[in-house]
Amino acid sequence: MVMKTPTKFFFVKGKSEGYKPLNAFDGALLNAGIGNTNLVKMSSIIPPKCKEIDPISLPPGALVPAAYASITSEVPGEIISAAVAAAFPEDEDYPALIMEHADKASQSQVEEVVRKMAEEGMKMRGKKIKYIKSISIEHKVVKVGCVFAAVVLWD
């Protein structure tokens, strides 16, 4: 089976508490609106000329490529955060670069790190950045918590 090159993308984020870590992760996916799909974790490239869209309802069971960050904790009171950032080059014939980061830190700290990661990644490629877009989420753990942030690619 060959997957098509995506033509659209969107950002999502979610958080949840759960019975066990996997339940919390599943709940975060549901909260993000992509919980009834099969995520295919991918490396971090948005194809050239791919268009950003608002999040859409994906077909149940669909194979969905996504670059994502998540973190789960079982420490009550702990702050956990996840973020993704995409750096878009000035040259529209070149792909955008996604970076993912999650940590036991504040949302602002995690988002600052992931944006710098995207900037550094484009610098390594020798490309000038037109703009960087990011999304992040924070959660204070009650029992078993999870946060999730992603760039979802779709055709």
Protein backbone atom coordinates (compact mmCIF):
# COMPACT_ATOMS: atom_id res chain seq x y z
CA MET A 1 0.00 0.00 0.00
CA VAL A 2 1.33 3.40 -0.98
CA MET A 3 0.10 6.49 0.85
CA LYS A 4 -0.56 9.62 -1.16
CA THR A 5 1.40 12.77 -0.47
CA PRO A 6 -0.81 14.92 1.75
CA THR A 7 -2.19 18.18 0.38
CA LYS A 8 -3.71 19.55 3.61
CA PHE A 9 -2.71 19.86 7.23
CA PHE A 10 -4.10 21.11 10.52
CA PHE A 11 -3.02 21.57 14.12
CA VAL A 12 -4.77 19.87 17.07
CA LYS A 13 -4.25 19.59 20.82
CA GLY A 14 -5.91 17.72 23.65
CA LYS A 15 -5.61 16.69 27.28
CA SER A 16 -7.19 14.10 29.52
CA GLU A 17 -7.14 12.19 32.75
CA GLY A 18 -7.42 8.41 32.56
CA TYR A 19 -7.50 5.18 34.53
CA LYS A 20 -4.05 4.20 33.22
CA PRO A 21 -1.53 6.06 31.00
CA LEU A 22 -2.90 4.57 27.77
CA ASN A 23 -6.45 5.57 28.78
CA ALA A 24 -5.21 9.13 29.42
CA PHE A 25 -3.48 9.18 26.01
CA ASP A 26 -6.64 7.87 24.32
CA GLY A 27 -8.68 10.56 26.09
CA ALA A 28 -6.25 13.27 24.94
CA LEU A 29 -6.66 12.07 21.34
CA LEU A 30 -10.45 12.17 21.73
CA ASN A 31 -10.20 15.67 23.23
CA ALA A 32 -8.09 16.71 20.22
CA GLY A 33 -10.74 15.36 17.83
CA ILE A 34 -8.70 12.52 16.33
CA GLY A 35 -9.33 9.71 18.80
CA ASN A 36 -11.16 7.35 16.46
CA THR A 37 -8.38 7.17 13.89
CA ASN A 38 -5.17 5.18 13.53
CA LEU A 39 -2.29 7.59 13.89
CA VAL A 40 0.80 6.93 11.84
CA LYS A 41 3.63 8.74 13.61
CA MET A 42 5.77 10.39 11.00
CA SER A 43 8.92 12.38 10.80
CA SER A 44 8.43 16.06 10.59
CA ILE A 45 7.88 17.42 7.11
CA ILE A 46 4.91 19.26 5.59
CA PRO A 47 5.07 18.83 1.80
CA PRO A 48 5.56 21.95 -0.34
CA LYS A 49 2.34 23.78 -1.22
CA CYS A 50 0.37 21.83 1.39
CA LYS A 51 -2.56 24.01 2.55
CA GLU A 52 -3.54 24.60 6.16
CA ILE A 53 -7.19 23.92 6.91
CA ASP A 54 -9.34 24.07 10.01
CA PRO A 55 -9.49 20.72 11.83
CA ILE A 56 -11.91 18.34 10.14
CA SER A 57 -13.76 15.22 11.19
CA LEU A 58 -11.71 12.32 9.89
CA PRO A 59 -13.22 8.98 8.83
CA PRO A 60 -13.30 6.48 11.73
CA GLY A 61 -10.43 4.02 11.44
CA ALA A 62 -8.54 6.09 8.85
CA LEU A 63 -4.75 5.88 8.72
CA VAL A 64 -3.74 9.41 9.67
CA PRO A 65 -0.16 10.67 9.38
CA ALA A 66 0.73 13.00 12.24
CA ALA A 67 3.81 14.54 13.80
CA TYR A 68 3.04 14.77 17.49
CA ALA A 69 4.30 15.29 21.01
CA SER A 70 2.72 13.80 24.09
CA ILE A 71 3.58 13.20 27.70
CA THR A 72 1.80 11.25 30.41
CA SER A 73 2.27 11.55 34.16
CA GLU A 74 1.03 9.71 37.22
CA VAL A 75 2.26 12.37 39.65
CA PRO A 76 -0.67 14.32 41.12
CA GLY A 77 -0.13 18.07 40.90
CA GLU A 78 2.59 17.82 38.24
CA ILE A 79 2.37 20.24 35.30
CA ILE A 80 2.85 18.61 31.89
CA SER A 81 2.84 20.31 28.50
CA ALA A 82 3.13 19.37 24.82
CA ALA A 83 3.73 21.53 21.76
CA VAL A 84 4.38 21.34 18.05
CA ALA A 85 5.76 24.05 15.79
CA ALA A 86 6.03 24.29 12.02
CA ALA A 87 8.57 26.54 10.33
CA PHE A 88 7.50 27.60 6.85
CA PRO A 89 10.26 28.62 4.42
CA GLU A 90 10.27 31.71 2.25
CA ASP A 91 10.74 29.34 -0.72
CA GLU A 92 7.27 27.81 -1.19
CA ASP A 93 8.75 24.97 -3.28
CA TYR A 94 10.57 23.75 -0.16
CA PRO A 95 8.82 21.75 2.57
CA ALA A 96 7.94 23.13 5.98
CA LEU A 97 9.58 21.58 9.03
CA ILE A 98 7.66 20.36 12.10
CA MET A 99 9.23 19.98 15.52
CA GLU A 100 7.61 18.33 18.56
CA HIS A 101 8.37 18.72 22.26
CA ALA A 102 6.78 17.63 25.55
CA ASP A 103 8.04 18.05 29.09
CA LYS A 104 7.21 18.39 32.76
CA ALA A 105 7.16 22.17 32.40
CA SER A 106 4.81 25.06 31.70
CA GLN A 107 3.07 25.49 28.38
CA SER A 108 5.00 28.69 27.66
CA GLN A 109 8.37 27.01 28.34
CA VAL A 110 7.57 24.02 26.12
CA GLU A 111 6.25 26.21 23.31
CA GLU A 112 9.34 28.44 23.46
CA VAL A 113 11.59 25.38 23.16
CA VAL A 114 9.69 23.85 20.24
CA ARG A 115 9.67 27.14 18.30
CA LYS A 116 13.45 27.42 18.78
CA MET A 117 13.81 23.80 17.62
CA ALA A 118 11.91 24.64 14.41
CA GLU A 119 14.07 27.70 13.86
CA GLU A 120 17.27 25.69 14.36
CA GLY A 121 16.04 22.93 12.05
CA MET A 122 15.50 25.37 9.19
CA LYS A 123 18.87 26.98 9.90
CA MET A 124 20.46 23.51 9.53
CA ARG A 125 18.78 23.26 6.12
CA GLY A 126 20.06 26.67 5.06
CA LYS A 127 16.51 28.00 4.53
CA LYS A 128 15.08 31.37 5.50
CA ILE A 129 11.88 31.24 7.50
CA LYS A 130 8.75 33.04 6.35
CA TYR A 131 6.91 32.30 9.61
CA ILE A 132 6.56 29.79 12.44
CA LYS A 133 3.22 28.52 13.71
CA SER A 134 2.88 26.62 16.96
CA ILE A 135 0.26 25.10 19.23
CA SER A 136 0.62 23.96 22.81
CA ILE A 137 -1.33 22.64 25.78
CA GLU A 138 -0.78 22.31 29.53
CA HIS A 139 -2.39 20.11 32.18
CA LYS A 140 -2.11 19.79 35.95
CA VAL A 141 -2.25 16.07 36.72
CA VAL A 142 -5.02 14.87 39.02
CA LYS A 143 -4.23 11.13 38.97
CA VAL A 144 -3.04 10.01 35.50
CA GLY A 145 -2.85 12.85 32.99
CA CYS A 146 -1.80 13.23 29.38
CA VAL A 147 -1.31 16.11 26.96
CA PHE A 148 -1.03 15.81 23.18
CA ALA A 149 -0.25 18.29 20.37
CA ALA A 150 0.00 17.41 16.69
CA VAL A 151 0.20 18.48 13.09
CA VAL A 152 -2.13 16.19 11.15
CA LEU A 153 -1.60 15.64 7.43
CA TRP A 154 -4.48 14.75 5.15
CA ASP A 155 -5.28 14.45 1.44
